[in-house]
Protein backbone atom coordinates (compact mmCIF):
# COMPACT_ATOMS: atom_id res chain seq x y z
CA MET A 1 0.00 0.00 0.00
CA SER A 2 1.88 3.05 -1.16
CA GLY A 3 1.66 6.18 0.90
CA SER A 4 1.74 4.28 4.18
CA ALA A 5 3.91 5.81 6.90
CA VAL A 6 6.89 3.60 7.76
CA LEU A 7 9.54 4.08 10.45
CA VAL A 8 12.89 2.39 9.82
CA VAL A 9 15.03 1.77 12.91
CA ASP A 10 18.58 0.45 12.69
CA ASP A 11 21.80 1.49 14.38
CA GLU A 12 23.79 0.70 11.21
CA PRO A 13 23.59 3.84 9.03
CA GLY A 14 24.16 1.92 5.79
CA MET A 15 21.32 -0.51 6.45
CA ARG A 16 19.02 2.27 7.63
CA ASP A 17 19.72 4.47 4.60
CA THR A 18 19.32 1.57 2.18
CA LEU A 19 15.95 0.57 3.65
CA VAL A 20 14.75 4.18 3.60
CA ALA A 21 15.73 4.54 -0.08
CA ILE A 22 14.08 1.27 -1.12
CA LEU A 23 10.85 2.05 0.72
CA GLU A 24 10.69 5.62 -0.62
CA GLN A 25 11.23 4.32 -4.17
CA ASN A 26 8.20 2.10 -3.59
CA GLY A 27 5.95 4.96 -2.57
CA TYR A 28 6.12 4.82 1.23
CA GLN A 29 6.41 7.89 3.45
CA VAL A 30 9.52 6.98 5.42
CA SER A 31 11.09 8.31 8.60
CA SER A 32 14.12 6.82 10.32
CA ALA A 33 15.65 6.48 13.76
CA PRO A 34 19.16 5.37 14.77
CA ASP A 35 18.26 3.63 18.04
CA GLY A 36 15.50 2.30 20.27
CA GLU A 37 15.02 5.48 22.30
CA SER A 38 14.62 7.59 19.17
CA ALA A 39 12.21 5.02 17.75
CA PHE A 40 10.09 5.02 20.90
CA SER A 41 9.93 8.84 20.83
CA ALA A 42 9.02 8.88 17.13
CA VAL A 43 6.17 6.42 17.65
CA GLN A 44 4.81 8.55 20.49
CA GLU A 45 4.89 11.68 18.30
CA MET A 46 3.59 10.32 14.99
CA ASP A 47 1.26 7.60 13.77
CA PHE A 48 3.11 5.01 11.72
CA ASP A 49 1.42 2.18 9.85
CA VAL A 50 4.54 0.00 9.98
CA VAL A 51 7.82 -0.01 11.90
CA VAL A 52 10.77 -1.96 10.47
CA MET A 53 13.19 -2.28 13.39
CA ASP A 54 16.39 -4.10 14.18
CA ILE A 55 16.23 -6.28 17.29
CA ARG A 56 19.85 -5.84 18.37
CA MET A 57 20.81 -2.22 18.98
CA PRO A 58 22.82 -0.42 21.67
CA GLY A 59 20.66 0.68 24.60
CA ARG A 60 17.05 -0.37 24.12
CA ASP A 61 16.65 -3.29 21.74
CA GLY A 62 13.79 -3.63 19.28
CA VAL A 63 11.82 -6.06 21.43
CA SER A 64 11.81 -3.77 24.47
CA VAL A 65 10.69 -0.84 22.30
CA LEU A 66 7.85 -2.94 20.87
CA GLU A 67 6.80 -4.03 24.36
CA ASP A 68 6.60 -0.40 25.52
CA MET A 69 4.78 1.06 22.50
CA GLY A 70 1.35 0.71 24.07
CA LYS A 71 -1.88 -0.35 22.47
CA PRO A 72 -2.46 -0.53 19.63
CA PRO A 73 1.12 -0.37 18.37
CA PRO A 74 1.85 -0.06 14.66
CA ASN A 75 2.58 -3.34 12.92
CA VAL A 76 6.23 -4.04 13.71
CA ILE A 77 8.60 -6.09 11.56
CA LEU A 78 11.67 -6.95 13.61
CA MET A 79 14.95 -7.66 11.83
CA THR A 80 17.81 -9.75 13.13
CA GLY A 81 21.15 -10.94 11.90
CA TYR A 82 21.71 -13.07 14.98
CA ALA A 83 20.21 -16.32 16.20
CA GLN A 84 19.17 -15.11 19.64
CA GLU A 85 16.48 -17.63 20.42
CA ALA A 86 15.32 -15.92 23.63
CA ARG A 87 14.91 -12.52 21.94
CA LEU A 88 13.19 -14.08 18.93
CA GLN A 89 10.71 -15.79 21.26
CA ALA A 90 10.18 -12.47 23.05
CA ALA A 91 9.52 -10.82 19.69
CA VAL A 92 6.82 -13.34 18.87
CA SER A 93 5.33 -13.02 22.36
CA SER A 94 5.24 -9.22 21.96
CA ASN A 95 3.04 -9.52 18.88
CA ALA A 96 5.62 -8.58 16.28
CA PHE A 97 3.97 -8.72 12.85
CA ALA A 98 6.97 -10.63 11.50
CA VAL A 99 10.63 -11.38 12.12
CA LEU A 100 12.91 -10.84 9.13
CA HIS A 101 16.32 -12.51 9.17
CA LYS A 102 19.29 -10.59 7.74
CA PRO A 103 20.48 -10.79 5.09
CA PHE A 104 17.11 -10.73 3.36
CA GLU A 105 15.84 -10.28 -0.15
CA THR A 106 14.41 -6.86 -0.94
CA GLY A 107 11.26 -8.42 -2.38
CA ARG A 108 10.58 -10.31 0.84
CA MET A 109 10.98 -7.16 2.92
CA LEU A 110 8.71 -5.17 0.60
CA GLY A 111 6.13 -7.95 0.71
CA LEU A 112 6.09 -7.95 4.50
CA VAL A 113 5.79 -4.15 4.64
CA ALA A 114 2.90 -4.26 2.17
CA ASP A 115 1.18 -7.01 4.17
CA ALA A 116 1.69 -5.10 7.42
CA SER A 117 0.33 -1.91 5.81
CA ARG A 118 -2.81 -3.69 4.62
CA ALA A 119 -3.34 -5.48 7.93
CA GLY A 120 -3.99 -2.26 9.85
CA ARG A 121 -3.56 -2.24 13.61
C-alpha cells in the first residue's frame, strides 16, 4: 500500500539508509531512527502504519521498544542478523507482525511491509 507511513530503525547507518531509499522508491512515506530510544519517541509523536526495526541495537533493543509502545502499536517487523532464540521468542510473544532474518531479499521485505500496511492495527 503506497503512501503508508513507515519508520525504519537500525543502528547501522548503511542498512538504515538503504531501507529508507528502497521504501521511498516504492511509494512509502519513510522516517528513520538510529536507536530504540529515538524510535520510541518517534512512535509517540507520529502515527506510523509499519515499523521496520532491528532487534539488536545499543541501549534499548527492538523487542523492548515494541513491548513499551502501548496499544495498539503499529505493525512491527523486527529484523535480526543473529540467532538469539530468547529474543526471537520475546519478539513473537510481543506480537511482532513478522521477524525478518538478515540478510534478506528486498522483495521479501517489501512484501512484508505491504502485508503489514494492509493489515492495519
